[in-house]
Amino acid sequence: WIEGSSVADKIRFIIGDALTEAPRLGVTFDMAFLDGDKRTYVE
């Protein structure tokens, strides 16, 4: 569904735990949207 969308080139879909993997990207973000496991929202 992501790859078939008209904005596929603007989305990088990654299977993994964002809590550990996102900081390893070395990317500075301007915005974040949290919508994962509610039990680890603070983390």
PDB file of all heavy atoms in Angstrom:
ATOM      1  N   TRP A   1       0.824  -1.202   0.000  1.00  0.00           N
ATOM      2  CA  TRP A   1       0.000   0.000   0.000  1.00  0.00           C
ATOM      3  C   TRP A   1       0.862   1.258   0.000  1.00  0.00           C
ATOM      4  O   TRP A   1       0.550   2.240  -0.691  1.00  0.00           O
ATOM      5  CB  TRP A   1      -0.939  -0.006   1.203  1.00  0.00           C
ATOM      6  CG  TRP A   1      -2.165  -0.833   0.980  1.00  0.00           C
ATOM      7  CD1 TRP A   1      -2.405  -2.105   1.432  1.00  0.00           C
ATOM      8  CD2 TRP A   1      -3.326  -0.462   0.223  1.00  0.00           C
ATOM      9  NE1 TRP A   1      -3.636  -2.541   1.007  1.00  0.00           N
ATOM     10  CE2 TRP A   1      -4.233  -1.561   0.262  1.00  0.00           C
ATOM     11  CE3 TRP A   1      -3.690   0.683  -0.481  1.00  0.00           C
ATOM     12  CZ2 TRP A   1      -5.467  -1.525  -0.367  1.00  0.00           C
ATOM     13  CZ3 TRP A   1      -4.931   0.717  -1.116  1.00  0.00           C
ATOM     14  CH2 TRP A   1      -5.805  -0.374  -1.060  1.00  0.00           C
ATOM     15  N   ILE A   2       1.939   1.252   0.761  1.00  0.00           N
ATOM     16  CA  ILE A   2       2.841   2.406   0.771  1.00  0.00           C
ATOM     17  C   ILE A   2       3.536   2.548  -0.578  1.00  0.00           C
ATOM     18  O   ILE A   2       3.576   3.635  -1.170  1.00  0.00           O
ATOM     19  CB  ILE A   2       3.866   2.290   1.914  1.00  0.00           C
ATOM     20  CG1 ILE A   2       3.170   2.521   3.269  1.00  0.00           C
ATOM     21  CG2 ILE A   2       5.008   3.288   1.729  1.00  0.00           C
ATOM     22  CD1 ILE A   2       4.066   2.365   4.470  1.00  0.00           C
ATOM     23  N   GLU A   3       4.067   1.446  -1.076  1.00  0.00           N
ATOM     24  CA  GLU A   3       4.816   1.496  -2.334  1.00  0.00           C
ATOM     25  C   GLU A   3       3.917   1.774  -3.532  1.00  0.00           C
ATOM     26  O   GLU A   3       4.378   2.260  -4.561  1.00  0.00           O
ATOM     27  CB  GLU A   3       5.601   0.198  -2.521  1.00  0.00           C
ATOM     28  CG  GLU A   3       6.707   0.032  -1.476  1.00  0.00           C
ATOM     29  CD  GLU A   3       7.525  -1.238  -1.661  1.00  0.00           C
ATOM     30  OE1 GLU A   3       7.117  -2.092  -2.491  1.00  0.00           O
ATOM     31  OE2 GLU A   3       8.552  -1.372  -0.967  1.00  0.00           O
ATOM     32  N   GLY A   4       2.618   1.496  -3.400  1.00  0.00           N
ATOM     33  CA  GLY A   4       1.690   1.761  -4.486  1.00  0.00           C
ATOM     34  C   GLY A   4       1.092   3.149  -4.458  1.00  0.00           C
ATOM     35  O   GLY A   4       0.348   3.534  -5.370  1.00  0.00           O
ATOM     36  N   SER A   5       1.422   3.925  -3.427  1.00  0.00           N
ATOM     37  CA  SER A   5       0.853   5.265  -3.296  1.00  0.00           C
ATOM     38  C   SER A   5       1.611   6.262  -4.172  1.00  0.00           C
ATOM     39  O   SER A   5       2.742   6.027  -4.591  1.00  0.00           O
ATOM     40  CB  SER A   5       0.897   5.728  -1.836  1.00  0.00           C
ATOM     41  OG  SER A   5       2.223   6.059  -1.449  1.00  0.00           O
ATOM     42  N   SER A   6       0.984   7.403  -4.390  1.00  0.00           N
ATOM     43  CA  SER A   6       1.609   8.449  -5.214  1.00  0.00           C
ATOM     44  C   SER A   6       2.744   9.154  -4.482  1.00  0.00           C
ATOM     45  O   SER A   6       3.480   9.939  -5.087  1.00  0.00           O
ATOM     46  CB  SER A   6       0.548   9.477  -5.628  1.00  0.00           C
ATOM     47  OG  SER A   6      -0.004  10.110  -4.482  1.00  0.00           O
ATOM     48  N   VAL A   7       2.893   8.901  -3.183  1.00  0.00           N
ATOM     49  CA  VAL A   7       3.947   9.550  -2.394  1.00  0.00           C
ATOM     50  C   VAL A   7       4.957   8.526  -1.879  1.00  0.00           C
ATOM     51  O   VAL A   7       5.647   8.767  -0.888  1.00  0.00           O
ATOM     52  CB  VAL A   7       3.346  10.347  -1.213  1.00  0.00           C
ATOM     53  CG1 VAL A   7       2.631  11.585  -1.715  1.00  0.00           C
ATOM     54  CG2 VAL A   7       2.399   9.475  -0.380  1.00  0.00           C
ATOM     55  N   ALA A   8       5.061   7.400  -2.567  1.00  0.00           N
ATOM     56  CA  ALA A   8       5.964   6.330  -2.126  1.00  0.00           C
ATOM     57  C   ALA A   8       7.405   6.814  -1.983  1.00  0.00           C
ATOM     58  O   ALA A   8       8.143   6.361  -1.101  1.00  0.00           O
ATOM     59  CB  ALA A   8       5.894   5.158  -3.101  1.00  0.00           C
ATOM     60  N   ASP A   9       7.809   7.745  -2.842  1.00  0.00           N
ATOM     61  CA  ASP A   9       9.188   8.247  -2.804  1.00  0.00           C
ATOM     62  C   ASP A   9       9.458   9.117  -1.580  1.00  0.00           C
ATOM     63  O   ASP A   9      10.619   9.412  -1.266  1.00  0.00           O
ATOM     64  CB  ASP A   9       9.510   9.030  -4.077  1.00  0.00           C
ATOM     65  CG  ASP A   9       8.613  10.252  -4.252  1.00  0.00           C
ATOM     66  OD1 ASP A   9       7.420  10.168  -3.914  1.00  0.00           O
ATOM     67  OD2 ASP A   9       9.118  11.285  -4.732  1.00  0.00           O
ATOM     68  N   LYS A  10       8.397   9.504  -0.870  1.00  0.00           N
ATOM     69  CA  LYS A  10       8.552  10.341   0.316  1.00  0.00           C
ATOM     70  C   LYS A  10       8.433   9.545   1.611  1.00  0.00           C
ATOM     71  O   LYS A  10       8.447  10.129   2.698  1.00  0.00           O
ATOM     72  CB  LYS A  10       7.490  11.449   0.323  1.00  0.00           C
ATOM     73  CG  LYS A  10       7.640  12.440  -0.818  1.00  0.00           C
ATOM     74  CD  LYS A  10       6.590  13.545  -0.717  1.00  0.00           C
ATOM     75  CE  LYS A  10       6.764  14.571  -1.830  1.00  0.00           C
ATOM     76  NZ  LYS A  10       5.765  15.673  -1.723  1.00  0.00           N
ATOM     77  N   ILE A  11       8.304   8.224   1.515  1.00  0.00           N
ATOM     78  CA  ILE A  11       8.113   7.395   2.702  1.00  0.00           C
ATOM     79  C   ILE A  11       9.180   6.308   2.761  1.00  0.00           C
ATOM     80  O   ILE A  11       9.360   5.553   1.800  1.00  0.00           O
ATOM     81  CB  ILE A  11       6.717   6.741   2.709  1.00  0.00           C
ATOM     82  CG1 ILE A  11       5.614   7.798   2.637  1.00  0.00           C
ATOM     83  CG2 ILE A  11       6.540   5.883   3.961  1.00  0.00           C
ATOM     84  CD1 ILE A  11       4.221   7.205   2.486  1.00  0.00           C
ATOM     85  N   ARG A  12       9.848   6.226   3.886  1.00  0.00           N
ATOM     86  CA  ARG A  12      10.773   5.124   4.155  1.00  0.00           C
ATOM     87  C   ARG A  12      10.144   4.265   5.243  1.00  0.00           C
ATOM     88  O   ARG A  12      10.041   4.683   6.395  1.00  0.00           O
ATOM     89  CB  ARG A  12      12.137   5.644   4.594  1.00  0.00           C
ATOM     90  CG  ARG A  12      13.152   4.527   4.819  1.00  0.00           C
ATOM     91  CD  ARG A  12      14.531   5.057   5.086  1.00  0.00           C
ATOM     92  NE  ARG A  12      15.437   4.001   5.506  1.00  0.00           N
ATOM     93  CZ  ARG A  12      16.684   4.195   5.937  1.00  0.00           C
ATOM     94  NH1 ARG A  12      17.170   5.427   5.987  1.00  0.00           N
ATOM     95  NH2 ARG A  12      17.437   3.169   6.313  1.00  0.00           N
ATOM     96  N   PHE A  13       9.700   3.084   4.856  1.00  0.00           N
ATOM     97  CA  PHE A  13       9.001   2.162   5.756  1.00  0.00           C
ATOM     98  C   PHE A  13      10.007   1.180   6.327  1.00  0.00           C
ATOM     99  O   PHE A  13      10.660   0.429   5.601  1.00  0.00           O
ATOM    100  CB  PHE A  13       7.904   1.439   4.975  1.00  0.00           C
ATOM    101  CG  PHE A  13       7.155   0.387   5.753  1.00  0.00           C
ATOM    102  CD1 PHE A  13       6.775   0.594   7.066  1.00  0.00           C
ATOM    103  CD2 PHE A  13       6.796  -0.803   5.145  1.00  0.00           C
ATOM    104  CE1 PHE A  13       6.072  -0.378   7.769  1.00  0.00           C
ATOM    105  CE2 PHE A  13       6.092  -1.782   5.829  1.00  0.00           C
ATOM    106  CZ  PHE A  13       5.732  -1.565   7.148  1.00  0.00           C
ATOM    107  N   ILE A  14      10.124   1.172   7.666  1.00  0.00           N
ATOM    108  CA  ILE A  14      11.150   0.381   8.344  1.00  0.00           C
ATOM    109  C   ILE A  14      10.493  -0.546   9.360  1.00  0.00           C
ATOM    110  O   ILE A  14       9.730  -0.098  10.224  1.00  0.00           O
ATOM    111  CB  ILE A  14      12.161   1.295   9.067  1.00  0.00           C
ATOM    112  CG1 ILE A  14      12.785   2.293   8.082  1.00  0.00           C
ATOM    113  CG2 ILE A  14      13.242   0.462   9.763  1.00  0.00           C
ATOM    114  CD1 ILE A  14      13.489   3.458   8.752  1.00  0.00           C
ATOM    115  N   ILE A  15      10.769  -1.833   9.249  1.00  0.00           N
ATOM    116  CA  ILE A  15      10.325  -2.793  10.249  1.00  0.00           C
ATOM    117  C   ILE A  15      11.379  -2.844  11.351  1.00  0.00           C
ATOM    118  O   ILE A  15      12.541  -3.165  11.107  1.00  0.00           O
ATOM    119  CB  ILE A  15      10.119  -4.197   9.634  1.00  0.00           C
ATOM    120  CG1 ILE A  15       8.979  -4.173   8.615  1.00  0.00           C
ATOM    121  CG2 ILE A  15       9.847  -5.215  10.728  1.00  0.00           C
ATOM    122  CD1 ILE A  15       7.602  -3.919   9.215  1.00  0.00           C
ATOM    123  N   GLY A  16      10.970  -2.501  12.558  1.00  0.00           N
ATOM    124  CA  GLY A  16      11.910  -2.497  13.673  1.00  0.00           C
ATOM    125  C   GLY A  16      11.397  -1.624  14.801  1.00  0.00           C
ATOM    126  O   GLY A  16      10.353  -0.974  14.691  1.00  0.00           O
ATOM    127  N   ASP A  17      12.134  -1.615  15.890  1.00  0.00           N
ATOM    128  CA  ASP A  17      11.771  -0.868  17.087  1.00  0.00           C
ATOM    129  C   ASP A  17      12.310   0.551  16.980  1.00  0.00           C
ATOM    130  O   ASP A  17      13.524   0.775  17.057  1.00  0.00           O
ATOM    131  CB  ASP A  17      12.344  -1.567  18.318  1.00  0.00           C
ATOM    132  CG  ASP A  17      11.885  -0.937  19.629  1.00  0.00           C
ATOM    133  OD1 ASP A  17      11.269   0.146  19.587  1.00  0.00           O
ATOM    134  OD2 ASP A  17      12.142  -1.540  20.691  1.00  0.00           O
ATOM    135  N   ALA A  18      11.415   1.520  16.821  1.00  0.00           N
ATOM    136  CA  ALA A  18      11.831   2.911  16.660  1.00  0.00           C
ATOM    137  C   ALA A  18      12.634   3.413  17.857  1.00  0.00           C
ATOM    138  O   ALA A  18      13.509   4.273  17.701  1.00  0.00           O
ATOM    139  CB  ALA A  18      10.608   3.796  16.443  1.00  0.00           C
ATOM    140  N   LEU A  19      12.345   2.887  19.042  1.00  0.00           N
ATOM    141  CA  LEU A  19      13.013   3.385  20.237  1.00  0.00           C
ATOM    142  C   LEU A  19      14.527   3.195  20.160  1.00  0.00           C
ATOM    143  O   LEU A  19      15.293   4.021  20.660  1.00  0.00           O
ATOM    144  CB  LEU A  19      12.461   2.705  21.494  1.00  0.00           C
ATOM    145  CG  LEU A  19      11.229   3.364  22.123  1.00  0.00           C
ATOM    146  CD1 LEU A  19      10.027   3.282  21.196  1.00  0.00           C
ATOM    147  CD2 LEU A  19      10.904   2.734  23.470  1.00  0.00           C
ATOM    148  N   THR A  20      14.953   2.104  19.528  1.00  0.00           N
ATOM    149  CA  THR A  20      16.383   1.857  19.394  1.00  0.00           C
ATOM    150  C   THR A  20      16.915   2.199  18.005  1.00  0.00           C
ATOM    151  O   THR A  20      18.068   2.628  17.855  1.00  0.00           O
ATOM    152  CB  THR A  20      16.710   0.381  19.697  1.00  0.00           C
ATOM    153  OG1 THR A  20      15.934  -0.460  18.823  1.00  0.00           O
ATOM    154  CG2 THR A  20      16.383   0.044  21.141  1.00  0.00           C
ATOM    155  N   GLU A  21      16.081   2.027  16.978  1.00  0.00           N
ATOM    156  CA  GLU A  21      16.560   2.175  15.606  1.00  0.00           C
ATOM    157  C   GLU A  21      16.517   3.606  15.082  1.00  0.00           C
ATOM    158  O   GLU A  21      17.372   4.014  14.293  1.00  0.00           O
ATOM    159  CB  GLU A  21      15.754   1.266  14.669  1.00  0.00           C
ATOM    160  CG  GLU A  21      15.885  -0.224  14.981  1.00  0.00           C
ATOM    161  CD  GLU A  21      17.326  -0.692  14.925  1.00  0.00           C
ATOM    162  OE1 GLU A  21      18.044  -0.295  13.983  1.00  0.00           O
ATOM    163  OE2 GLU A  21      17.732  -1.451  15.827  1.00  0.00           O
ATOM    164  N   ALA A  22      15.529   4.394  15.494  1.00  0.00           N
ATOM    165  CA  ALA A  22      15.420   5.765  14.973  1.00  0.00           C
ATOM    166  C   ALA A  22      16.653   6.619  15.288  1.00  0.00           C
ATOM    167  O   ALA A  22      17.165   7.314  14.397  1.00  0.00           O
ATOM    168  CB  ALA A  22      14.148   6.433  15.483  1.00  0.00           C
ATOM    169  N   PRO A  23      17.177   6.575  16.528  1.00  0.00           N
ATOM    170  CA  PRO A  23      18.372   7.388  16.797  1.00  0.00           C
ATOM    171  C   PRO A  23      19.585   6.965  15.969  1.00  0.00           C
ATOM    172  O   PRO A  23      20.471   7.796  15.716  1.00  0.00           O
ATOM    173  CB  PRO A  23      18.620   7.148  18.294  1.00  0.00           C
ATOM    174  CG  PRO A  23      17.279   6.770  18.847  1.00  0.00           C
ATOM    175  CD  PRO A  23      16.640   5.960  17.758  1.00  0.00           C
ATOM    176  N   ARG A  24      19.620   5.723  15.524  1.00  0.00           N
ATOM    177  CA  ARG A  24      20.748   5.234  14.736  1.00  0.00           C
ATOM    178  C   ARG A  24      20.733   5.746  13.299  1.00  0.00           C
ATOM    179  O   ARG A  24      21.733   5.605  12.583  1.00  0.00           O
ATOM    180  CB  ARG A  24      20.756   3.700  14.738  1.00  0.00           C
ATOM    181  CG  ARG A  24      21.023   3.094  16.110  1.00  0.00           C
ATOM    182  CD  ARG A  24      20.908   1.576  16.089  1.00  0.00           C
ATOM    183  NE  ARG A  24      21.119   1.001  17.414  1.00  0.00           N
ATOM    184  CZ  ARG A  24      20.893  -0.260  17.733  1.00  0.00           C
ATOM    185  NH1 ARG A  24      20.429  -1.106  16.813  1.00  0.00           N
ATOM    186  NH2 ARG A  24      21.106  -0.706  18.963  1.00  0.00           N
ATOM    187  N   LEU A  25      19.612   6.319  12.877  1.00  0.00           N
ATOM    188  CA  LEU A  25      19.549   6.853  11.518  1.00  0.00           C
ATOM    189  C   LEU A  25      20.453   8.060  11.340  1.00  0.00           C
ATOM    190  O   LEU A  25      20.869   8.372  10.221  1.00  0.00           O
ATOM    191  CB  LEU A  25      18.107   7.261  11.179  1.00  0.00           C
ATOM    192  CG  LEU A  25      17.066   6.145  11.051  1.00  0.00           C
ATOM    193  CD1 LEU A  25      15.681   6.757  10.867  1.00  0.00           C
ATOM    194  CD2 LEU A  25      17.393   5.232   9.877  1.00  0.00           C
ATOM    195  N   GLY A  26      20.717   8.766  12.426  1.00  0.00           N
ATOM    196  CA  GLY A  26      21.528   9.977  12.325  1.00  0.00           C
ATOM    197  C   GLY A  26      20.785  11.131  11.653  1.00  0.00           C
ATOM    198  O   GLY A  26      21.407  12.048  11.117  1.00  0.00           O
ATOM    199  N   VAL A  27      19.447  11.083  11.700  1.00  0.00           N
ATOM    200  CA  VAL A  27      18.610  12.102  11.064  1.00  0.00           C
ATOM    201  C   VAL A  27      18.068  13.048  12.128  1.00  0.00           C
ATOM    202  O   VAL A  27      17.647  12.614  13.200  1.00  0.00           O
ATOM    203  CB  VAL A  27      17.421  11.446  10.310  1.00  0.00           C
ATOM    204  CG1 VAL A  27      16.484  12.508   9.752  1.00  0.00           C
ATOM    205  CG2 VAL A  27      17.931  10.538   9.199  1.00  0.00           C
ATOM    206  N   THR A  28      18.104  14.358  11.823  1.00  0.00           N
ATOM    207  CA  THR A  28      17.442  15.329  12.683  1.00  0.00           C
ATOM    208  C   THR A  28      16.031  15.547  12.147  1.00  0.00           C
ATOM    209  O   THR A  28      15.852  15.886  10.975  1.00  0.00           O
ATOM    210  CB  THR A  28      18.207  16.666  12.702  1.00  0.00           C
ATOM    211  OG1 THR A  28      19.514  16.448  13.240  1.00  0.00           O
ATOM    212  CG2 THR A  28      17.481  17.690  13.568  1.00  0.00           C
ATOM    213  N   PHE A  29      15.056  15.336  12.997  1.00  0.00           N
ATOM    214  CA  PHE A  29      13.661  15.438  12.583  1.00  0.00           C
ATOM    215  C   PHE A  29      13.068  16.788  12.988  1.00  0.00           C
ATOM    216  O   PHE A  29      13.489  17.392  13.977  1.00  0.00           O
ATOM    217  CB  PHE A  29      12.840  14.300  13.199  1.00  0.00           C
ATOM    218  CG  PHE A  29      13.233  12.944  12.703  1.00  0.00           C
ATOM    219  CD1 PHE A  29      14.160  12.177  13.407  1.00  0.00           C
ATOM    220  CD2 PHE A  29      12.706  12.431  11.531  1.00  0.00           C
ATOM    221  CE1 PHE A  29      14.539  10.922  12.950  1.00  0.00           C
ATOM    222  CE2 PHE A  29      13.075  11.185  11.061  1.00  0.00           C
ATOM    223  CZ  PHE A  29      13.994  10.421  11.774  1.00  0.00           C
ATOM    224  N   ASP A  30      12.091  17.213  12.221  1.00  0.00           N
ATOM    225  CA  ASP A  30      11.372  18.447  12.514  1.00  0.00           C
ATOM    226  C   ASP A  30      10.037  18.157  13.186  1.00  0.00           C
ATOM    227  O   ASP A  30       9.438  19.044  13.797  1.00  0.00           O
ATOM    228  CB  ASP A  30      11.110  19.219  11.215  1.00  0.00           C
ATOM    229  CG  ASP A  30      12.382  19.430  10.419  1.00  0.00           C
ATOM    230  OD1 ASP A  30      13.231  20.227  10.860  1.00  0.00           O
ATOM    231  OD2 ASP A  30      12.538  18.780   9.361  1.00  0.00           O
ATOM    232  N   MET A  31       9.593  16.901  13.059  1.00  0.00           N
ATOM    233  CA  MET A  31       8.275  16.523  13.573  1.00  0.00           C
ATOM    234  C   MET A  31       8.266  15.026  13.830  1.00  0.00           C
ATOM    235  O   MET A  31       8.908  14.261  13.095  1.00  0.00           O
ATOM    236  CB  MET A  31       7.205  16.909  12.550  1.00  0.00           C
ATOM    237  CG  MET A  31       5.790  16.468  12.841  1.00  0.00           C
ATOM    238  SD  MET A  31       4.662  17.075  11.541  1.00  0.00           S
ATOM    239  CE  MET A  31       3.302  15.919  11.745  1.00  0.00           C
ATOM    240  N   ALA A  32       7.562  14.616  14.867  1.00  0.00           N
ATOM    241  CA  ALA A  32       7.380  13.190  15.151  1.00  0.00           C
ATOM    242  C   ALA A  32       5.915  12.923  15.445  1.00  0.00           C
ATOM    243  O   ALA A  32       5.227  13.776  16.025  1.00  0.00           O
ATOM    244  CB  ALA A  32       8.247  12.748  16.329  1.00  0.00           C
ATOM    245  N   PHE A  33       5.456  11.752  15.042  1.00  0.00           N
ATOM    246  CA  PHE A  33       4.078  11.326  15.326  1.00  0.00           C
ATOM    247  C   PHE A  33       4.149  10.004  16.062  1.00  0.00           C
ATOM    248  O   PHE A  33       4.617   8.993  15.521  1.00  0.00           O
ATOM    249  CB  PHE A  33       3.300  11.181  14.020  1.00  0.00           C
ATOM    250  CG  PHE A  33       1.864  10.743  14.193  1.00  0.00           C
ATOM    251  CD1 PHE A  33       1.046  11.340  15.136  1.00  0.00           C
ATOM    252  CD2 PHE A  33       1.324   9.733  13.410  1.00  0.00           C
ATOM    253  CE1 PHE A  33      -0.279  10.941  15.303  1.00  0.00           C
ATOM    254  CE2 PHE A  33       0.006   9.322  13.550  1.00  0.00           C
ATOM    255  CZ  PHE A  33      -0.798   9.939  14.507  1.00  0.00           C
ATOM    256  N   LEU A  34       3.709  10.003  17.321  1.00  0.00           N
ATOM    257  CA  LEU A  34       3.744   8.800  18.155  1.00  0.00           C
ATOM    258  C   LEU A  34       2.396   8.099  18.083  1.00  0.00           C
ATOM    259  O   LEU A  34       1.379   8.667  18.457  1.00  0.00           O
ATOM    260  CB  LEU A  34       4.059   9.164  19.609  1.00  0.00           C
ATOM    261  CG  LEU A  34       5.288  10.043  19.864  1.00  0.00           C
ATOM    262  CD1 LEU A  34       5.490  10.243  21.364  1.00  0.00           C
ATOM    263  CD2 LEU A  34       6.536   9.463  19.213  1.00  0.00           C
ATOM    264  N   ASP A  35       2.414   6.852  17.623  1.00  0.00           N
ATOM    265  CA  ASP A  35       1.169   6.094  17.494  1.00  0.00           C
ATOM    266  C   ASP A  35       1.447   4.600  17.636  1.00  0.00           C
ATOM    267  O   ASP A  35       0.818   3.779  16.985  1.00  0.00           O
ATOM    268  CB  ASP A  35       0.501   6.400  16.152  1.00  0.00           C
ATOM    269  CG  ASP A  35      -0.948   5.936  16.101  1.00  0.00           C
ATOM    270  OD1 ASP A  35      -1.528   5.693  17.178  1.00  0.00           O
ATOM    271  OD2 ASP A  35      -1.503   5.817  14.989  1.00  0.00           O
ATOM    272  N   GLY A  36       2.423   4.266  18.478  1.00  0.00           N
ATOM    273  CA  GLY A  36       2.811   2.877  18.655  1.00  0.00           C
ATOM    274  C   GLY A  36       2.247   2.305  19.950  1.00  0.00           C
ATOM    275  O   GLY A  36       1.132   2.629  20.367  1.00  0.00           O
ATOM    276  N   ASP A  37       3.030   1.466  20.601  1.00  0.00           N
ATOM    277  CA  ASP A  37       2.631   0.788  21.835  1.00  0.00           C
ATOM    278  C   ASP A  37       2.416   1.816  22.942  1.00  0.00           C
ATOM    279  O   ASP A  37       3.339   2.545  23.318  1.00  0.00           O
ATOM    280  CB  ASP A  37       3.725  -0.207  22.230  1.00  0.00           C
ATOM    281  CG  ASP A  37       3.329  -1.098  23.396  1.00  0.00           C
ATOM    282  OD1 ASP A  37       2.334  -0.795  24.088  1.00  0.00           O
ATOM    283  OD2 ASP A  37       4.024  -2.101  23.614  1.00  0.00           O
ATOM    284  N   LYS A  38       1.197   1.885  23.458  1.00  0.00           N
ATOM    285  CA  LYS A  38       0.872   2.881  24.476  1.00  0.00           C
ATOM    286  C   LYS A  38       1.627   2.627  25.779  1.00  0.00           C
ATOM    287  O   LYS A  38       1.854   3.553  26.562  1.00  0.00           O
ATOM    288  CB  LYS A  38      -0.637   2.919  24.757  1.00  0.00           C
ATOM    289  CG  LYS A  38      -1.513   2.895  23.520  1.00  0.00           C
ATOM    290  CD  LYS A  38      -1.096   3.887  22.449  1.00  0.00           C
ATOM    291  CE  LYS A  38      -1.893   3.665  21.179  1.00  0.00           C
ATOM    292  NZ  LYS A  38      -1.338   4.403  20.021  1.00  0.00           N
ATOM    293  N   ARG A  39       2.031   1.396  26.006  1.00  0.00           N
ATOM    294  CA  ARG A  39       2.750   1.069  27.236  1.00  0.00           C
ATOM    295  C   ARG A  39       4.124   1.701  27.283  1.00  0.00           C
ATOM    296  O   ARG A  39       4.714   1.857  28.365  1.00  0.00           O
ATOM    297  CB  ARG A  39       2.856  -0.454  27.385  1.00  0.00           C
ATOM    298  CG  ARG A  39       1.520  -1.154  27.563  1.00  0.00           C
ATOM    299  CD  ARG A  39       1.643  -2.657  27.425  1.00  0.00           C
ATOM    300  NE  ARG A  39       2.066  -3.049  26.085  1.00  0.00           N
ATOM    301  CZ  ARG A  39       2.199  -4.306  25.672  1.00  0.00           C
ATOM    302  NH1 ARG A  39       1.928  -5.302  26.507  1.00  0.00           N
ATOM    303  NH2 ARG A  39       2.583  -4.567  24.437  1.00  0.00           N
ATOM    304  N   THR A  40       4.671   2.071  26.120  1.00  0.00           N
ATOM    305  CA  THR A  40       6.014   2.664  26.067  1.00  0.00           C
ATOM    306  C   THR A  40       5.986   4.080  25.495  1.00  0.00           C
ATOM    307  O   THR A  40       6.970   4.546  24.930  1.00  0.00           O
ATOM    308  CB  THR A  40       6.957   1.778  25.227  1.00  0.00           C
ATOM    309  OG1 THR A  40       6.404   1.606  23.903  1.00  0.00           O
ATOM    310  CG2 THR A  40       7.158   0.416  25.872  1.00  0.00           C
ATOM    311  N   TYR A  41       4.858   4.765  25.657  1.00  0.00           N
ATOM    312  CA  TYR A  41       4.750   6.134  25.131  1.00  0.00           C
ATOM    313  C   TYR A  41       5.774   7.080  25.762  1.00  0.00           C
ATOM    314  O   TYR A  41       6.331   7.938  25.078  1.00  0.00           O
ATOM    315  CB  TYR A  41       3.332   6.664  25.363  1.00  0.00           C
ATOM    316  CG  TYR A  41       2.485   6.749  24.108  1.00  0.00           C
ATOM    317  CD1 TYR A  41       2.671   5.873  23.045  1.00  0.00           C
ATOM    318  CD2 TYR A  41       1.484   7.707  23.983  1.00  0.00           C
ATOM    319  CE1 TYR A  41       1.888   5.942  21.908  1.00  0.00           C
ATOM    320  CE2 TYR A  41       0.692   7.783  22.851  1.00  0.00           C
ATOM    321  CZ  TYR A  41       0.898   6.908  21.822  1.00  0.00           C
ATOM    322  OH  TYR A  41       0.125   6.983  20.692  1.00  0.00           O
ATOM    323  N   VAL A  42       6.015   6.971  27.057  1.00  0.00           N
ATOM    324  CA  VAL A  42       6.991   7.851  27.700  1.00  0.00           C
ATOM    325  C   VAL A  42       8.377   7.616  27.106  1.00  0.00           C
ATOM    326  O   VAL A  42       9.111   8.577  26.794  1.00  0.00           O
ATOM    327  CB  VAL A  42       7.016   7.643  29.229  1.00  0.00           C
ATOM    328  CG1 VAL A  42       8.206   8.375  29.851  1.00  0.00           C
ATOM    329  CG2 VAL A  42       5.717   8.130  29.852  1.00  0.00           C
ATOM    330  N   GLU A  43       8.728   6.360  26.912  1.00  0.00           N
ATOM    331  CA  GLU A  43      10.037   6.044  26.339  1.00  0.00           C
ATOM    332  C   GLU A  43      10.134   6.548  24.898  1.00  0.00           C
ATOM    333  O   GLU A  43      11.180   7.064  24.471  1.00  0.00           O
ATOM    334  CB  GLU A  43      10.281   4.533  26.403  1.00  0.00           C
ATOM    335  CG  GLU A  43      10.476   3.979  27.811  1.00  0.00           C
ATOM    336  CD  GLU A  43       9.192   3.861  28.628  1.00  0.00           C
ATOM    337  OE1 GLU A  43       8.091   3.951  28.052  1.00  0.00           O
ATOM    338  OE2 GLU A  43       9.302   3.658  29.857  1.00  0.00           O
TER     339      GLU A  43
END
